PDB file of N, CA and C in Angstrom:
ATOM      1  N   UNK A   1      10.189  -5.699  -3.260  1.00  0.00           N
ATOM      2  CA  UNK A   1       9.945  -4.713  -1.537  1.00  0.00           C
ATOM      3  C   UNK A   1       8.912  -4.816  -1.127  1.00  0.00           C
ATOM      4  N   UNK A   2       8.708  -5.141   0.072  1.00  0.00           N
ATOM      5  CA  UNK A   2       7.613  -5.096   0.771  1.00  0.00           C
ATOM      6  C   UNK A   2       7.412  -2.890   0.719  1.00  0.00           C
ATOM      7  N   UNK A   3       5.704  -2.788   1.052  1.00  0.00           N
ATOM      8  CA  UNK A   3       5.142  -1.624   0.822  1.00  0.00           C
ATOM      9  C   UNK A   3       6.010  -0.627   1.878  1.00  0.00           C
ATOM     10  N   UNK A   4       6.327   0.239   1.928  1.00  0.00           N
ATOM     11  CA  UNK A   4       6.974   1.379   2.790  1.00  0.00           C
ATOM     12  C   UNK A   4       5.319   1.632   3.818  1.00  0.00           C
ATOM     13  N   UNK A   5       4.402   1.554   3.143  1.00  0.00           N
ATOM     14  CA  UNK A   5       3.359   1.644   4.871  1.00  0.00           C
ATOM     15  C   UNK A   5       3.059   0.736   5.413  1.00  0.00           C
ATOM     16  N   UNK A   6       3.843  -0.623   5.432  1.00  0.00           N
ATOM     17  CA  UNK A   6       4.065  -1.694   6.722  1.00  0.00           C
ATOM     18  C   UNK A   6       4.855  -0.886   7.401  1.00  0.00           C
ATOM     19  N   UNK A   7       5.567  -0.522   7.219  1.00  0.00           N
ATOM     20  CA  UNK A   7       6.798   0.028   8.512  1.00  0.00           C
ATOM     21  C   UNK A   7       6.030   1.719   9.211  1.00  0.00           C
ATOM     22  N   UNK A   8       5.056   1.656   9.002  1.00  0.00           N
ATOM     23  CA  UNK A   8       3.866   2.429   9.801  1.00  0.00           C
ATOM     24  C   UNK A   8       2.867   1.497  10.555  1.00  0.00           C
ATOM     25  N   UNK A   9       2.220   0.612   9.970  1.00  0.00           N
ATOM     26  CA  UNK A   9       1.049  -0.157  10.098  1.00  0.00           C
ATOM     27  C   UNK A   9       1.169  -0.925  11.455  1.00  0.00           C
ATOM     28  N   UNK A  10       2.797  -1.801  11.366  1.00  0.00           N
ATOM     29  CA  UNK A  10       3.327  -2.461  12.125  1.00  0.00           C
ATOM     30  C   UNK A  10       3.234  -1.499  13.888  1.00  0.00           C
ATOM     31  N   UNK A  11       3.656  -0.567  14.188  1.00  0.00           N
ATOM     32  CA  UNK A  11       3.823   0.580  15.483  1.00  0.00           C
ATOM     33  C   UNK A  11       2.507   0.388  15.648  1.00  0.00           C
ATOM     34  N   UNK A  12       2.069   0.626  14.194  1.00  0.00           N
ATOM     35  CA  UNK A  12       0.674   1.466  15.057  1.00  0.00           C
ATOM     36  C   UNK A  12      -0.035   0.506  15.736  1.00  0.00           C
ATOM     37  N   UNK A  13      -0.181  -1.088  15.212  1.00  0.00           N
ATOM     38  CA  UNK A  13      -0.634  -1.951  15.412  1.00  0.00           C
ATOM     39  C   UNK A  13      -0.247  -2.182  17.289  1.00  0.00           C
ATOM     40  N   UNK A  14       1.086  -2.113  17.476  1.00  0.00           N
ATOM     41  CA  UNK A  14       1.784  -2.613  18.130  1.00  0.00           C
ATOM     42  C   UNK A  14       0.966  -1.251  19.540  1.00  0.00           C
ATOM     43  N   UNK A  15       0.635   0.045  19.285  1.00  0.00           N
ATOM     44  CA  UNK A  15       0.440   1.143  19.875  1.00  0.00           C
ATOM     45  C   UNK A  15      -1.037   0.514  20.571  1.00  0.00           C
ATOM     46  N   UNK A  16      -1.605  -0.149  19.322  1.00  0.00           N
ATOM     47  CA  UNK A  16      -3.445  -0.134  20.163  1.00  0.00           C
ATOM     48  C   UNK A  16      -3.421  -0.878  20.560  1.00  0.00           C
ATOM     49  N   UNK A  17      -2.925  -2.091  20.585  1.00  0.00           N
ATOM     50  CA  UNK A  17      -2.669  -3.202  21.193  1.00  0.00           C
ATOM     51  C   UNK A  17      -3.547  -3.665  22.436  1.00  0.00           C
ATOM     52  N   UNK A  18      -3.036  -2.778  22.984  1.00  0.00           N
ATOM     53  CA  UNK A  18      -3.747  -3.171  24.591  1.00  0.00           C
ATOM     54  C   UNK A  18      -5.382  -2.727  24.626  1.00  0.00           C
ATOM     55  N   UNK A  19      -6.072  -1.951  23.876  1.00  0.00           N
ATOM     56  CA  UNK A  19      -7.112  -2.151  23.439  1.00  0.00           C
ATOM     57  C   UNK A  19      -7.856  -3.610  23.253  1.00  0.00           C
ATOM     58  N   UNK A  20      -7.454  -4.112  22.640  1.00  0.00           N
ATOM     59  CA  UNK A  20      -8.008  -5.194  21.607  1.00  0.00           C
ATOM     60  C   UNK A  20      -7.880  -6.181  23.139  1.00  0.00           C
ATOM     61  N   UNK A  21      -6.261  -7.028  23.111  1.00  0.00           N
ATOM     62  CA  UNK A  21      -6.500  -7.612  23.730  1.00  0.00           C
ATOM     63  C   UNK A  21      -4.674  -7.914  23.959  1.00  0.00           C
ATOM     64  N   UNK A  22      -3.810  -8.738  25.011  1.00  0.00           N
ATOM     65  CA  UNK A  22      -2.702  -8.694  25.455  1.00  0.00           C
ATOM     66  C   UNK A  22      -2.107  -9.556  24.151  1.00  0.00           C
ATOM     67  N   UNK A  23      -1.863 -10.067  23.551  1.00  0.00           N
ATOM     68  CA  UNK A  23      -2.064 -10.605  22.084  1.00  0.00           C
ATOM     69  C   UNK A  23      -1.876 -10.273  21.265  1.00  0.00           C
ATOM     70  N   UNK A  24      -2.683  -9.175  21.346  1.00  0.00           N
ATOM     71  CA  UNK A  24      -2.734  -8.214  20.042  1.00  0.00           C
ATOM     72  C   UNK A  24      -1.594  -7.636  19.359  1.00  0.00           C
ATOM     73  N   UNK A  25      -0.777  -7.475  19.987  1.00  0.00           N
ATOM     74  CA  UNK A  25       0.505  -6.591  19.867  1.00  0.00           C
ATOM     75  C   UNK A  25       1.571  -7.518  18.688  1.00  0.00           C
ATOM     76  N   UNK A  26       1.211  -9.087  18.953  1.00  0.00           N
ATOM     77  CA  UNK A  26       2.006  -9.800  17.890  1.00  0.00           C
ATOM     78  C   UNK A  26       1.709  -9.716  16.589  1.00  0.00           C
ATOM     79  N   UNK A  27       0.852  -8.765  15.964  1.00  0.00           N
ATOM     80  CA  UNK A  27       0.187  -8.817  15.132  1.00  0.00           C
ATOM     81  C   UNK A  27       0.865  -7.674  14.718  1.00  0.00           C
ATOM     82  N   UNK A  28       1.061  -6.618  15.373  1.00  0.00           N
ATOM     83  CA  UNK A  28       2.014  -5.530  14.472  1.00  0.00           C
ATOM     84  C   UNK A  28       3.319  -5.962  14.326  1.00  0.00           C
ATOM     85  N   UNK A  29       3.811  -6.260  15.584  1.00  0.00           N
ATOM     86  CA  UNK A  29       5.166  -6.662  15.410  1.00  0.00           C
ATOM     87  C   UNK A  29       5.802  -7.617  14.280  1.00  0.00           C
ATOM     88  N   UNK A  30       4.788  -9.016  13.656  1.00  0.00           N
ATOM     89  CA  UNK A  30       4.202  -9.342  12.727  1.00  0.00           C
ATOM     90  C   UNK A  30       4.555  -8.680  11.335  1.00  0.00           C
ATOM     91  N   UNK A  31       3.922  -7.444  11.270  1.00  0.00           N
ATOM     92  CA  UNK A  31       4.117  -6.866   9.965  1.00  0.00           C
ATOM     93  C   UNK A  31       4.871  -6.240  10.084  1.00  0.00           C
ATOM     94  N   UNK A  32       5.742  -5.388  10.908  1.00  0.00           N
ATOM     95  CA  UNK A  32       6.627  -4.987  11.004  1.00  0.00           C
ATOM     96  C   UNK A  32       7.829  -5.867  10.862  1.00  0.00           C
ATOM     97  N   UNK A  33       7.949  -6.861  11.231  1.00  0.00           N
ATOM     98  CA  UNK A  33       9.199  -8.120  10.641  1.00  0.00           C
ATOM     99  C   UNK A  33       9.055  -8.243   9.582  1.00  0.00           C
ATOM    100  N   UNK A  34       7.886  -8.707   9.010  1.00  0.00           N
ATOM    101  CA  UNK A  34       7.567  -8.657   7.403  1.00  0.00           C
ATOM    102  C   UNK A  34       8.304  -7.763   6.227  1.00  0.00           C
ATOM    103  N   UNK A  35       8.163  -6.325   7.042  1.00  0.00           N
ATOM    104  CA  UNK A  35       8.728  -5.335   6.337  1.00  0.00           C
ATOM    105  C   UNK A  35      10.060  -5.291   6.270  1.00  0.00           C
ATOM    106  N   UNK A  36      10.738  -5.573   7.624  1.00  0.00           N
ATOM    107  CA  UNK A  36      12.005  -5.591   7.551  1.00  0.00           C
ATOM    108  C   UNK A  36      12.481  -7.061   6.843  1.00  0.00           C
ATOM    109  N   UNK A  37      11.851  -7.927   7.173  1.00  0.00           N
ATOM    110  CA  UNK A  37      12.691  -9.355   6.450  1.00  0.00           C
ATOM    111  C   UNK A  37      12.905  -8.674   4.309  1.00  0.00           C
ATOM    112  N   UNK A  38      11.479  -8.319   4.084  1.00  0.00           N
ATOM    113  CA  UNK A  38      11.740  -7.775   3.038  1.00  0.00           C
ATOM    114  C   UNK A  38      12.935  -6.539   2.735  1.00  0.00           C
ATOM    115  N   UNK A  39      13.192  -5.908   3.332  1.00  0.00           N
ATOM    116  CA  UNK A  39      14.331  -4.857   3.418  1.00  0.00           C
ATOM    117  C   UNK A  39      15.882  -5.842   3.401  1.00  0.00           C
ATOM    118  N   UNK A  40      15.658  -6.895   4.352  1.00  0.00           N
ATOM    119  CA  UNK A  40      17.142  -7.220   4.732  1.00  0.00           C
ATOM    120  C   UNK A  40      17.303  -8.692   3.481  1.00  0.00           C
ATOM    121  N   UNK A  41      16.436  -9.182   2.696  1.00  0.00           N
ATOM    122  CA  UNK A  41      16.935 -10.053   1.309  1.00  0.00           C
ATOM    123  C   UNK A  41      15.884  -8.997   0.248  1.00  0.00           C
ATOM    124  N   UNK A  42      16.169  -8.657  -0.389  1.00  0.00           N
ATOM    125  CA  UNK A  42      15.845  -8.083  -1.550  1.00  0.00           C
ATOM    126  C   UNK A  42      15.800  -8.940  -2.818  1.00  0.00           C
ATOM    127  N   UNK A  43      16.652 -10.281  -2.578  1.00  0.00           N
ATOM    128  CA  UNK A  43      16.563 -10.934  -3.667  1.00  0.00           C
ATOM    129  C   UNK A  43      15.213 -12.399  -3.883  1.00  0.00           C
ATOM    130  N   UNK A  44      14.358 -12.052  -2.785  1.00  0.00           N
ATOM    131  CA  UNK A  44      13.481 -13.036  -2.863  1.00  0.00           C
ATOM    132  C   UNK A  44      12.434 -12.484  -3.821  1.00  0.00           C
ATOM    133  N   UNK A  45      11.657 -13.955  -4.071  1.00  0.00           N
ATOM    134  CA  UNK A  45      10.745 -14.044  -5.287  1.00  0.00           C
ATOM    135  C   UNK A  45       9.562 -12.774  -4.875  1.00  0.00           C
ATOM    136  N   UNK A  46       9.056 -11.816  -5.636  1.00  0.00           N
ATOM    137  CA  UNK A  46       8.239 -11.194  -6.048  1.00  0.00           C
ATOM    138  C   UNK A  46       6.715 -11.747  -5.220  1.00  0.00           C
ATOM    139  N   UNK A  47       6.486 -12.767  -5.503  1.00  0.00           N
ATOM    140  CA  UNK A  47       5.612 -13.593  -4.182  1.00  0.00           C
ATOM    141  C   UNK A  47       5.615 -13.985  -3.400  1.00  0.00           C
ATOM    142  N   UNK A  48       6.928 -13.620  -2.668  1.00  0.00           N
ATOM    143  CA  UNK A  48       7.306 -13.534  -0.927  1.00  0.00           C
ATOM    144  C   UNK A  48       6.737 -12.241  -0.647  1.00  0.00           C
ATOM    145  N   UNK A  49       6.756 -11.094  -1.306  1.00  0.00           N
ATOM    146  CA  UNK A  49       6.581  -9.681  -0.994  1.00  0.00           C
ATOM    147  C   UNK A  49       5.243  -9.469  -1.057  1.00  0.00           C
ATOM    148  N   UNK A  50       4.469 -10.408  -2.062  1.00  0.00           N
ATOM    149  CA  UNK A  50       3.097 -10.419  -2.079  1.00  0.00           C
ATOM    150  C   UNK A  50       2.536 -10.867  -1.058  1.00  0.00           C
ATOM    151  N   UNK A  51       2.618 -11.955  -0.394  1.00  0.00           N
ATOM    152  CA  UNK A  51       2.392 -12.609   0.495  1.00  0.00           C
ATOM    153  C   UNK A  51       2.578 -12.177   2.054  1.00  0.00           C
ATOM    154  N   UNK A  52       3.315 -11.348   2.058  1.00  0.00           N
ATOM    155  CA  UNK A  52       3.674 -10.442   3.222  1.00  0.00           C
ATOM    156  C   UNK A  52       3.137  -9.388   3.072  1.00  0.00           C
ATOM    157  N   UNK A  53       2.714  -8.869   2.155  1.00  0.00           N
ATOM    158  CA  UNK A  53       1.523  -7.849   2.209  1.00  0.00           C
ATOM    159  C   UNK A  53       0.206  -7.839   2.370  1.00  0.00           C
ATOM    160  N   UNK A  54      -0.032  -8.946   2.070  1.00  0.00           N
ATOM    161  CA  UNK A  54      -1.501  -9.728   2.200  1.00  0.00           C
ATOM    162  C   UNK A  54      -2.013  -9.854   3.588  1.00  0.00           C
ATOM    163  N   UNK A  55      -0.611 -10.194   4.594  1.00  0.00           N
ATOM    164  CA  UNK A  55      -1.032 -10.328   6.062  1.00  0.00           C
ATOM    165  C   UNK A  55      -0.762  -9.394   7.052  1.00  0.00           C
TER     166      UNK A  55
END
């Protein structure tokens, strides 16, 4: 499973995106999507979860 902290970090990235630039919101969305991908597919290998957490 992906660390629960990513569920908090994703929306924070989205909320702060306007301060950086118009494309920065995609980073927060990707972090949130990575978390939910892990929730929807718990059968994935541990290496995949580690890769999601690194990004």
